[in-house]
Amino acid sequence: MRSRSGACYPKPESDNWNSRSKRTRRDIGFGSRCGQDPPRKRQRASQGADLFEWLHDDLVLSIFSKLAATAAAPADLVNLLLTCKRFNVLGINPLVLSKASTKSMAIGAKNWSESANKFLKLCVDAGNLEACYTLGMIRFYCLGNRGSGAALMARAAMASHAAALYSLAIIQFNGSGGSKSDKDLRAGAALCARAALLGHVDALRELGHCLQDGYGVRRSVPDGRRFLLYANARELAAALASRHPLPCLPLRPCLGGVKKGFIK
């Protein structure tokens, strides 16, 4: 009978105790005391899992920083950013962009675009001195934005960037971006001397000519010739260093003769 089978009667709560207890244990998770979920089973490499997903972001950023510092072309970083969404986010991290190499920013005029401009801006915001110098030169000489370009080069020069110091020296010598009355020979010679102290070969040669001609500094023909010879020696050493490593020539003895004149 239906009454004996109990089909028309609700089952007592005690009959559902096992099912409820199992469901409760599953909801609570493994280790109910600590409230942690059970550990997930790791996917095997044979199932097509991305092994980079198991790496922490800090480790991936360290790898990307090494890649940015040793990049031989802009394509090295571009291909990294185009790999996946995670690589794109981590690739523009300031820790990575601050280490970007000079070659990774060597963007030719025919390849210049808004994306390239945005990339250099990100590097500048990350504190990359080479990006400050590169974008400053592009703005000053190519885009005609003299004020912004000079400010970026000055930012790099304040951090002892040799090429930026030399570029600002040439601007002071020529009065670029202004009239002839805007020339400041003494400021140009001082900037050139600081760049020479950092080993910039062109600055060493320019400083030698300034000393020979008395251009912005007190004239000293022997010191000027010594600077020119020293610049040629460093240029030759740099050319030979690519084949055979040579010890770096010291700069302080060479600059000692004129240090009291205008280098403060």
C-alpha atoms as a PDB file:
ATOM      1  CA  MET A   1       0.000   0.000   0.000  1.00  0.00           C
ATOM      2  CA  ARG A   2       1.045   3.494  -0.556  1.00  0.00           C
ATOM      3  CA  SER A   3       0.635   4.281   3.090  1.00  0.00           C
ATOM      4  CA  ARG A   4       2.953   1.430   4.059  1.00  0.00           C
ATOM      5  CA  SER A   5       5.593   2.257   1.498  1.00  0.00           C
ATOM      6  CA  GLY A   6       5.691   5.792   2.822  1.00  0.00           C
ATOM      7  CA  ALA A   7       5.617   7.369  -0.627  1.00  0.00           C
ATOM      8  CA  CYS A   8       3.105   9.949   0.512  1.00  0.00           C
ATOM      9  CA  TYR A   9       4.905  10.798   3.713  1.00  0.00           C
ATOM     10  CA  PRO A  10       7.917  13.043   3.994  1.00  0.00           C
ATOM     11  CA  LYS A  11      11.124  11.356   5.003  1.00  0.00           C
ATOM     12  CA  PRO A  12      12.337  12.125   8.506  1.00  0.00           C
ATOM     13  CA  GLU A  13      15.235  14.518   8.864  1.00  0.00           C
ATOM     14  CA  SER A  14      17.401  11.742  10.232  1.00  0.00           C
ATOM     15  CA  ASP A  15      17.296   9.951   6.865  1.00  0.00           C
ATOM     16  CA  ASN A  16      18.998  12.918   5.171  1.00  0.00           C
ATOM     17  CA  TRP A  17      21.686  13.309   7.794  1.00  0.00           C
ATOM     18  CA  ASN A  18      24.418  11.572   5.825  1.00  0.00           C
ATOM     19  CA  SER A  19      23.790  13.573   2.671  1.00  0.00           C
ATOM     20  CA  ARG A  20      23.686  16.834   4.584  1.00  0.00           C
ATOM     21  CA  SER A  21      26.832  16.038   6.486  1.00  0.00           C
ATOM     22  CA  LYS A  22      28.700  15.164   3.299  1.00  0.00           C
ATOM     23  CA  ARG A  23      27.545  18.344   1.653  1.00  0.00           C
ATOM     24  CA  THR A  24      28.522  20.368   4.690  1.00  0.00           C
ATOM     25  CA  ARG A  25      31.983  18.843   4.792  1.00  0.00           C
ATOM     26  CA  ARG A  26      32.437  19.545   1.102  1.00  0.00           C
ATOM     27  CA  ASP A  27      31.350  23.147   1.522  1.00  0.00           C
ATOM     28  CA  ILE A  28      33.596  23.704   4.522  1.00  0.00           C
ATOM     29  CA  GLY A  29      36.576  22.317   2.674  1.00  0.00           C
ATOM     30  CA  PHE A  30      39.706  20.467   3.619  1.00  0.00           C
ATOM     31  CA  GLY A  31      40.818  21.316   7.128  1.00  0.00           C
ATOM     32  CA  SER A  32      37.714  22.946   8.544  1.00  0.00           C
ATOM     33  CA  ARG A  33      39.676  24.326  11.486  1.00  0.00           C
ATOM     34  CA  CYS A  34      41.798  26.599   9.322  1.00  0.00           C
ATOM     35  CA  GLY A  35      39.050  27.244   6.736  1.00  0.00           C
ATOM     36  CA  GLN A  36      41.263  26.471   3.757  1.00  0.00           C
ATOM     37  CA  ASP A  37      40.134  24.938   0.500  1.00  0.00           C
ATOM     38  CA  PRO A  38      41.521  21.567  -0.514  1.00  0.00           C
ATOM     39  CA  PRO A  39      44.615  21.831  -2.703  1.00  0.00           C
ATOM     40  CA  ARG A  40      43.867  21.672  -6.389  1.00  0.00           C
ATOM     41  CA  LYS A  41      45.409  18.995  -8.477  1.00  0.00           C
ATOM     42  CA  ARG A  42      48.184  20.361 -10.666  1.00  0.00           C
ATOM     43  CA  GLN A  43      47.772  19.990 -14.359  1.00  0.00           C
ATOM     44  CA  ARG A  44      50.392  17.961 -16.083  1.00  0.00           C
ATOM     45  CA  ALA A  45      52.483  19.446 -18.824  1.00  0.00           C
ATOM     46  CA  SER A  46      51.043  16.850 -21.183  1.00  0.00           C
ATOM     47  CA  GLN A  47      47.612  18.433 -20.754  1.00  0.00           C
ATOM     48  CA  GLY A  48      48.820  21.693 -22.332  1.00  0.00           C
ATOM     49  CA  ALA A  49      49.242  23.738 -19.153  1.00  0.00           C
ATOM     50  CA  ASP A  50      51.158  27.053 -19.344  1.00  0.00           C
ATOM     51  CA  LEU A  51      54.148  26.639 -17.044  1.00  0.00           C
ATOM     52  CA  PHE A  52      54.561  30.416 -16.730  1.00  0.00           C
ATOM     53  CA  GLU A  53      51.256  30.524 -14.879  1.00  0.00           C
ATOM     54  CA  TRP A  54      52.943  28.750 -11.970  1.00  0.00           C
ATOM     55  CA  LEU A  55      55.684  31.405 -11.685  1.00  0.00           C
ATOM     56  CA  HIS A  56      55.227  34.301  -9.276  1.00  0.00           C
ATOM     57  CA  ASP A  57      55.026  37.796 -10.743  1.00  0.00           C
ATOM     58  CA  ASP A  58      58.205  38.884  -8.954  1.00  0.00           C
ATOM     59  CA  LEU A  59      60.180  36.120 -10.643  1.00  0.00           C
ATOM     60  CA  VAL A  60      58.704  36.944 -14.056  1.00  0.00           C
ATOM     61  CA  LEU A  61      59.558  40.636 -13.546  1.00  0.00           C
ATOM     62  CA  SER A  62      63.142  39.691 -12.738  1.00  0.00           C
ATOM     63  CA  ILE A  63      63.363  37.689 -15.973  1.00  0.00           C
ATOM     64  CA  PHE A  64      61.828  40.510 -18.005  1.00  0.00           C
ATOM     65  CA  SER A  65      64.229  43.047 -16.468  1.00  0.00           C
ATOM     66  CA  LYS A  66      67.204  40.964 -17.604  1.00  0.00           C
ATOM     67  CA  LEU A  67      65.681  40.689 -21.065  1.00  0.00           C
ATOM     68  CA  ALA A  68      65.087  44.452 -21.296  1.00  0.00           C
ATOM     69  CA  ALA A  69      68.635  45.231 -20.167  1.00  0.00           C
ATOM     70  CA  THR A  70      70.140  42.944 -22.831  1.00  0.00           C
ATOM     71  CA  ALA A  71      67.681  43.633 -25.656  1.00  0.00           C
ATOM     72  CA  ALA A  72      69.462  44.082 -28.978  1.00  0.00           C
ATOM     73  CA  ALA A  73      66.537  45.655 -30.859  1.00  0.00           C
ATOM     74  CA  PRO A  74      63.109  47.183 -30.163  1.00  0.00           C
ATOM     75  CA  ALA A  75      61.532  44.010 -31.555  1.00  0.00           C
ATOM     76  CA  ASP A  76      62.751  42.052 -28.524  1.00  0.00           C
ATOM     77  CA  LEU A  77      60.466  43.998 -26.203  1.00  0.00           C
ATOM     78  CA  VAL A  78      57.650  44.336 -28.730  1.00  0.00           C
ATOM     79  CA  ASN A  79      57.434  40.574 -29.203  1.00  0.00           C
ATOM     80  CA  LEU A  80      57.348  40.180 -25.436  1.00  0.00           C
ATOM     81  CA  LEU A  81      54.391  42.544 -25.088  1.00  0.00           C
ATOM     82  CA  LEU A  82      52.482  40.786 -27.873  1.00  0.00           C
ATOM     83  CA  THR A  83      52.829  37.307 -26.368  1.00  0.00           C
ATOM     84  CA  CYS A  84      49.850  37.341 -24.012  1.00  0.00           C
ATOM     85  CA  LYS A  85      47.845  39.623 -21.752  1.00  0.00           C
ATOM     86  CA  ARG A  86      49.895  38.807 -18.669  1.00  0.00           C
ATOM     87  CA  PHE A  87      53.189  39.476 -20.462  1.00  0.00           C
ATOM     88  CA  ASN A  88      51.786  42.772 -21.742  1.00  0.00           C
ATOM     89  CA  VAL A  89      50.907  43.924 -18.231  1.00  0.00           C
ATOM     90  CA  LEU A  90      54.197  42.829 -16.674  1.00  0.00           C
ATOM     91  CA  GLY A  91      56.261  44.032 -19.649  1.00  0.00           C
ATOM     92  CA  ILE A  92      55.322  47.683 -19.097  1.00  0.00           C
ATOM     93  CA  ASN A  93      56.030  47.530 -15.384  1.00  0.00           C
ATOM     94  CA  PRO A  94      58.348  50.382 -14.285  1.00  0.00           C
ATOM     95  CA  LEU A  95      60.848  47.841 -12.948  1.00  0.00           C
ATOM     96  CA  VAL A  96      61.230  46.459 -16.468  1.00  0.00           C
ATOM     97  CA  LEU A  97      61.153  49.724 -18.421  1.00  0.00           C
ATOM     98  CA  SER A  98      63.707  51.371 -16.137  1.00  0.00           C
ATOM     99  CA  LYS A  99      66.250  48.725 -17.239  1.00  0.00           C
ATOM    100  CA  ALA A 100      65.547  48.971 -20.972  1.00  0.00           C
ATOM    101  CA  SER A 101      68.773  49.106 -22.981  1.00  0.00           C
ATOM    102  CA  THR A 102      69.853  51.734 -25.479  1.00  0.00           C
ATOM    103  CA  LYS A 103      69.374  49.377 -28.432  1.00  0.00           C
ATOM    104  CA  SER A 104      65.801  48.629 -27.405  1.00  0.00           C
ATOM    105  CA  MET A 105      65.004  52.332 -27.983  1.00  0.00           C
ATOM    106  CA  ALA A 106      66.812  52.677 -31.305  1.00  0.00           C
ATOM    107  CA  ILE A 107      63.697  53.516 -33.296  1.00  0.00           C
ATOM    108  CA  GLY A 108      64.374  54.794 -36.802  1.00  0.00           C
ATOM    109  CA  ALA A 109      62.634  57.785 -38.318  1.00  0.00           C
ATOM    110  CA  LYS A 110      60.660  55.631 -40.771  1.00  0.00           C
ATOM    111  CA  ASN A 111      59.355  53.508 -37.896  1.00  0.00           C
ATOM    112  CA  TRP A 112      58.384  56.439 -35.677  1.00  0.00           C
ATOM    113  CA  SER A 113      54.737  56.361 -34.618  1.00  0.00           C
ATOM    114  CA  GLU A 114      52.467  57.294 -31.757  1.00  0.00           C
ATOM    115  CA  SER A 115      53.040  53.857 -30.238  1.00  0.00           C
ATOM    116  CA  ALA A 116      56.800  54.447 -30.235  1.00  0.00           C
ATOM    117  CA  ASN A 117      56.283  57.848 -28.628  1.00  0.00           C
ATOM    118  CA  LYS A 118      54.068  56.286 -25.965  1.00  0.00           C
ATOM    119  CA  PHE A 119      56.640  53.578 -25.267  1.00  0.00           C
ATOM    120  CA  LEU A 120      59.408  56.123 -24.729  1.00  0.00           C
ATOM    121  CA  LYS A 121      57.134  58.160 -22.466  1.00  0.00           C
ATOM    122  CA  LEU A 122      56.519  55.081 -20.326  1.00  0.00           C
ATOM    123  CA  CYS A 123      60.272  54.530 -20.088  1.00  0.00           C
ATOM    124  CA  VAL A 124      60.787  58.169 -19.111  1.00  0.00           C
ATOM    125  CA  ASP A 125      58.142  57.904 -16.394  1.00  0.00           C
ATOM    126  CA  ALA A 126      59.897  54.767 -15.135  1.00  0.00           C
ATOM    127  CA  GLY A 127      63.108  56.767 -14.649  1.00  0.00           C
ATOM    128  CA  ASN A 128      65.100  55.437 -17.597  1.00  0.00           C
ATOM    129  CA  LEU A 129      67.874  57.973 -18.278  1.00  0.00           C
ATOM    130  CA  GLU A 130      68.534  56.700 -21.782  1.00  0.00           C
ATOM    131  CA  ALA A 131      64.858  57.228 -22.629  1.00  0.00           C
ATOM    132  CA  CYS A 132      65.041  60.790 -21.274  1.00  0.00           C
ATOM    133  CA  TYR A 133      68.023  61.518 -23.504  1.00  0.00           C
ATOM    134  CA  THR A 134      66.583  59.809 -26.604  1.00  0.00           C
ATOM    135  CA  LEU A 135      63.132  61.361 -26.390  1.00  0.00           C
ATOM    136  CA  GLY A 136      64.680  64.726 -25.532  1.00  0.00           C
ATOM    137  CA  MET A 137      66.843  64.655 -28.663  1.00  0.00           C
ATOM    138  CA  ILE A 138      63.865  63.643 -30.817  1.00  0.00           C
ATOM    139  CA  ARG A 139      61.696  66.431 -29.460  1.00  0.00           C
ATOM    140  CA  PHE A 140      64.414  69.073 -29.660  1.00  0.00           C
ATOM    141  CA  TYR A 141      65.783  68.391 -33.138  1.00  0.00           C
ATOM    142  CA  CYS A 142      63.042  66.438 -34.958  1.00  0.00           C
ATOM    143  CA  LEU A 143      59.701  67.553 -33.546  1.00  0.00           C
ATOM    144  CA  GLY A 144      60.704  71.175 -32.919  1.00  0.00           C
ATOM    145  CA  ASN A 145      59.644  71.090 -29.265  1.00  0.00           C
ATOM    146  CA  ARG A 146      62.759  72.813 -27.918  1.00  0.00           C
ATOM    147  CA  GLY A 147      61.618  73.446 -24.364  1.00  0.00           C
ATOM    148  CA  SER A 148      60.373  69.937 -23.625  1.00  0.00           C
ATOM    149  CA  GLY A 149      63.361  68.332 -25.354  1.00  0.00           C
ATOM    150  CA  ALA A 150      65.902  70.407 -23.456  1.00  0.00           C
ATOM    151  CA  ALA A 151      64.115  69.648 -20.169  1.00  0.00           C
ATOM    152  CA  LEU A 152      64.328  65.898 -20.780  1.00  0.00           C
ATOM    153  CA  MET A 153      68.016  66.114 -21.675  1.00  0.00           C
ATOM    154  CA  ALA A 154      68.647  68.220 -18.578  1.00  0.00           C
ATOM    155  CA  ARG A 155      66.908  65.565 -16.488  1.00  0.00           C
ATOM    156  CA  ALA A 156      69.304  62.949 -17.804  1.00  0.00           C
ATOM    157  CA  ALA A 157      72.296  65.292 -17.452  1.00  0.00           C
ATOM    158  CA  MET A 158      71.527  65.901 -13.775  1.00  0.00           C
ATOM    159  CA  ALA A 159      71.930  62.155 -13.261  1.00  0.00           C
ATOM    160  CA  SER A 160      75.414  62.255 -14.912  1.00  0.00           C
ATOM    161  CA  HIS A 161      74.399  60.985 -18.340  1.00  0.00           C
ATOM    162  CA  ALA A 162      77.472  61.695 -20.452  1.00  0.00           C
ATOM    163  CA  ALA A 163      75.748  61.961 -23.839  1.00  0.00           C
ATOM    164  CA  ALA A 164      73.099  64.318 -22.446  1.00  0.00           C
ATOM    165  CA  LEU A 165      75.790  66.549 -20.930  1.00  0.00           C
ATOM    166  CA  TYR A 166      77.631  66.737 -24.238  1.00  0.00           C
ATOM    167  CA  SER A 167      74.425  67.496 -26.176  1.00  0.00           C
ATOM    168  CA  LEU A 168      73.559  70.334 -23.825  1.00  0.00           C
ATOM    169  CA  ALA A 169      77.115  71.651 -24.216  1.00  0.00           C
ATOM    170  CA  ILE A 170      76.715  71.788 -28.005  1.00  0.00           C
ATOM    171  CA  ILE A 171      73.375  73.565 -27.577  1.00  0.00           C
ATOM    172  CA  GLN A 172      75.089  76.178 -25.388  1.00  0.00           C
ATOM    173  CA  PHE A 173      77.956  76.584 -27.863  1.00  0.00           C
ATOM    174  CA  ASN A 174      75.669  77.063 -30.880  1.00  0.00           C
ATOM    175  CA  GLY A 175      72.767  78.816 -29.184  1.00  0.00           C
ATOM    176  CA  SER A 176      70.394  76.251 -30.699  1.00  0.00           C
ATOM    177  CA  GLY A 177      66.751  77.118 -30.364  1.00  0.00           C
ATOM    178  CA  GLY A 178      67.499  80.817 -29.880  1.00  0.00           C
ATOM    179  CA  SER A 179      69.485  83.728 -31.234  1.00  0.00           C
ATOM    180  CA  LYS A 180      73.234  84.272 -31.319  1.00  0.00           C
ATOM    181  CA  SER A 181      73.004  86.242 -28.097  1.00  0.00           C
ATOM    182  CA  ASP A 182      71.763  83.090 -26.346  1.00  0.00           C
ATOM    183  CA  LYS A 183      75.159  81.430 -26.662  1.00  0.00           C
ATOM    184  CA  ASP A 184      76.875  80.702 -23.360  1.00  0.00           C
ATOM    185  CA  LEU A 185      80.440  79.584 -24.034  1.00  0.00           C
ATOM    186  CA  ARG A 186      81.431  79.190 -20.400  1.00  0.00           C
ATOM    187  CA  ALA A 187      78.387  77.028 -19.629  1.00  0.00           C
ATOM    188  CA  GLY A 188      79.073  74.935 -22.720  1.00  0.00           C
ATOM    189  CA  ALA A 189      82.703  74.404 -21.716  1.00  0.00           C
ATOM    190  CA  ALA A 190      81.687  73.406 -18.182  1.00  0.00           C
ATOM    191  CA  LEU A 191      79.136  70.890 -19.464  1.00  0.00           C
ATOM    192  CA  CYS A 192      81.675  69.545 -21.947  1.00  0.00           C
ATOM    193  CA  ALA A 193      84.230  69.100 -19.167  1.00  0.00           C
ATOM    194  CA  ARG A 194      81.779  67.152 -17.022  1.00  0.00           C
ATOM    195  CA  ALA A 195      80.985  64.877 -19.945  1.00  0.00           C
ATOM    196  CA  ALA A 196      84.712  64.395 -20.528  1.00  0.00           C
ATOM    197  CA  LEU A 197      85.131  63.365 -16.898  1.00  0.00           C
ATOM    198  CA  LEU A 198      82.633  60.564 -17.564  1.00  0.00           C
ATOM    199  CA  GLY A 199      84.698  59.326 -20.521  1.00  0.00           C
ATOM    200  CA  HIS A 200      82.738  60.748 -23.456  1.00  0.00           C
ATOM    201  CA  VAL A 201      85.210  60.743 -26.369  1.00  0.00           C
ATOM    202  CA  ASP A 202      83.559  63.533 -28.370  1.00  0.00           C
ATOM    203  CA  ALA A 203      83.476  65.702 -25.253  1.00  0.00           C
ATOM    204  CA  LEU A 204      87.192  65.091 -24.713  1.00  0.00           C
ATOM    205  CA  ARG A 205      87.936  66.170 -28.277  1.00  0.00           C
ATOM    206  CA  GLU A 206      85.677  69.221 -28.075  1.00  0.00           C
ATOM    207  CA  LEU A 207      87.280  70.260 -24.820  1.00  0.00           C
ATOM    208  CA  GLY A 208      90.713  69.978 -26.444  1.00  0.00           C
ATOM    209  CA  HIS A 209      89.675  72.375 -29.194  1.00  0.00           C
ATOM    210  CA  CYS A 210      88.219  74.761 -26.626  1.00  0.00           C
ATOM    211  CA  LEU A 211      91.512  74.811 -24.723  1.00  0.00           C
ATOM    212  CA  GLN A 212      93.537  75.332 -27.879  1.00  0.00           C
ATOM    213  CA  ASP A 213      91.388  78.257 -29.060  1.00  0.00           C
ATOM    214  CA  GLY A 214      90.421  79.714 -25.695  1.00  0.00           C
ATOM    215  CA  TYR A 215      86.774  79.100 -26.517  1.00  0.00           C
ATOM    216  CA  GLY A 216      84.871  79.605 -23.273  1.00  0.00           C
ATOM    217  CA  VAL A 217      87.912  78.701 -21.144  1.00  0.00           C
ATOM    218  CA  ARG A 218      91.359  80.062 -20.447  1.00  0.00           C
ATOM    219  CA  ARG A 219      93.585  79.265 -23.408  1.00  0.00           C
ATOM    220  CA  SER A 220      96.143  76.499 -22.928  1.00  0.00           C
ATOM    221  CA  VAL A 221      97.584  75.025 -26.114  1.00  0.00           C
ATOM    222  CA  PRO A 222      99.589  72.212 -24.430  1.00  0.00           C
ATOM    223  CA  ASP A 223      96.544  71.040 -22.464  1.00  0.00           C
ATOM    224  CA  GLY A 224      94.411  71.237 -25.579  1.00  0.00           C
ATOM    225  CA  ARG A 225      96.814  69.046 -27.563  1.00  0.00           C
ATOM    226  CA  ARG A 226      97.002  66.615 -24.673  1.00  0.00           C
ATOM    227  CA  PHE A 227      93.205  66.292 -24.652  1.00  0.00           C
ATOM    228  CA  LEU A 228      93.088  65.709 -28.397  1.00  0.00           C
ATOM    229  CA  LEU A 229      95.725  62.988 -28.184  1.00  0.00           C
ATOM    230  CA  TYR A 230      93.937  61.411 -25.269  1.00  0.00           C
ATOM    231  CA  ALA A 231      90.620  61.442 -27.143  1.00  0.00           C
ATOM    232  CA  ASN A 232      92.253  59.718 -30.114  1.00  0.00           C
ATOM    233  CA  ALA A 233      93.813  57.131 -27.796  1.00  0.00           C
ATOM    234  CA  ARG A 234      90.467  56.337 -26.164  1.00  0.00           C
ATOM    235  CA  GLU A 235      88.773  56.100 -29.542  1.00  0.00           C
ATOM    236  CA  LEU A 236      91.428  53.656 -30.735  1.00  0.00           C
ATOM    237  CA  ALA A 237      91.134  51.666 -27.508  1.00  0.00           C
ATOM    238  CA  ALA A 238      87.362  51.437 -27.942  1.00  0.00           C
ATOM    239  CA  ALA A 239      87.806  50.164 -31.491  1.00  0.00           C
ATOM    240  CA  LEU A 240      90.292  47.506 -30.405  1.00  0.00           C
ATOM    241  CA  ALA A 241      88.283  46.509 -27.335  1.00  0.00           C
ATOM    242  CA  SER A 242      85.725  44.786 -29.533  1.00  0.00           C
ATOM    243  CA  ARG A 243      88.457  42.351 -30.592  1.00  0.00           C
ATOM    244  CA  HIS A 244      90.789  42.247 -27.617  1.00  0.00           C
ATOM    245  CA  PRO A 245      89.856  43.510 -24.118  1.00  0.00           C
ATOM    246  CA  LEU A 246      92.029  46.441 -23.030  1.00  0.00           C
ATOM    247  CA  PRO A 247      92.256  48.174 -19.662  1.00  0.00           C
ATOM    248  CA  CYS A 248      90.328  51.427 -19.404  1.00  0.00           C
ATOM    249  CA  LEU A 249      92.528  54.526 -19.483  1.00  0.00           C
ATOM    250  CA  PRO A 250      92.213  56.752 -16.382  1.00  0.00           C
ATOM    251  CA  LEU A 251      90.656  60.169 -16.813  1.00  0.00           C
ATOM    252  CA  ARG A 252      91.645  62.008 -13.651  1.00  0.00           C
ATOM    253  CA  PRO A 253      95.338  62.478 -14.531  1.00  0.00           C
ATOM    254  CA  CYS A 254      94.385  63.868 -17.910  1.00  0.00           C
ATOM    255  CA  LEU A 255      91.925  66.379 -16.482  1.00  0.00           C
ATOM    256  CA  GLY A 256      94.082  67.371 -13.555  1.00  0.00           C
ATOM    257  CA  GLY A 257      95.799  70.191 -15.439  1.00  0.00           C
ATOM    258  CA  VAL A 258      92.585  72.095 -16.175  1.00  0.00           C
ATOM    259  CA  LYS A 259      90.522  71.085 -13.168  1.00  0.00           C
ATOM    260  CA  LYS A 260      91.462  74.224 -11.267  1.00  0.00           C
ATOM    261  CA  GLY A 261      90.558  76.398 -14.223  1.00  0.00           C
ATOM    262  CA  PHE A 262      86.811  75.896 -14.665  1.00  0.00           C
ATOM    263  CA  ILE A 263      85.696  72.480 -13.275  1.00  0.00           C
ATOM    264  CA  LYS A 264      84.138  73.009  -9.882  1.00  0.00           C
END
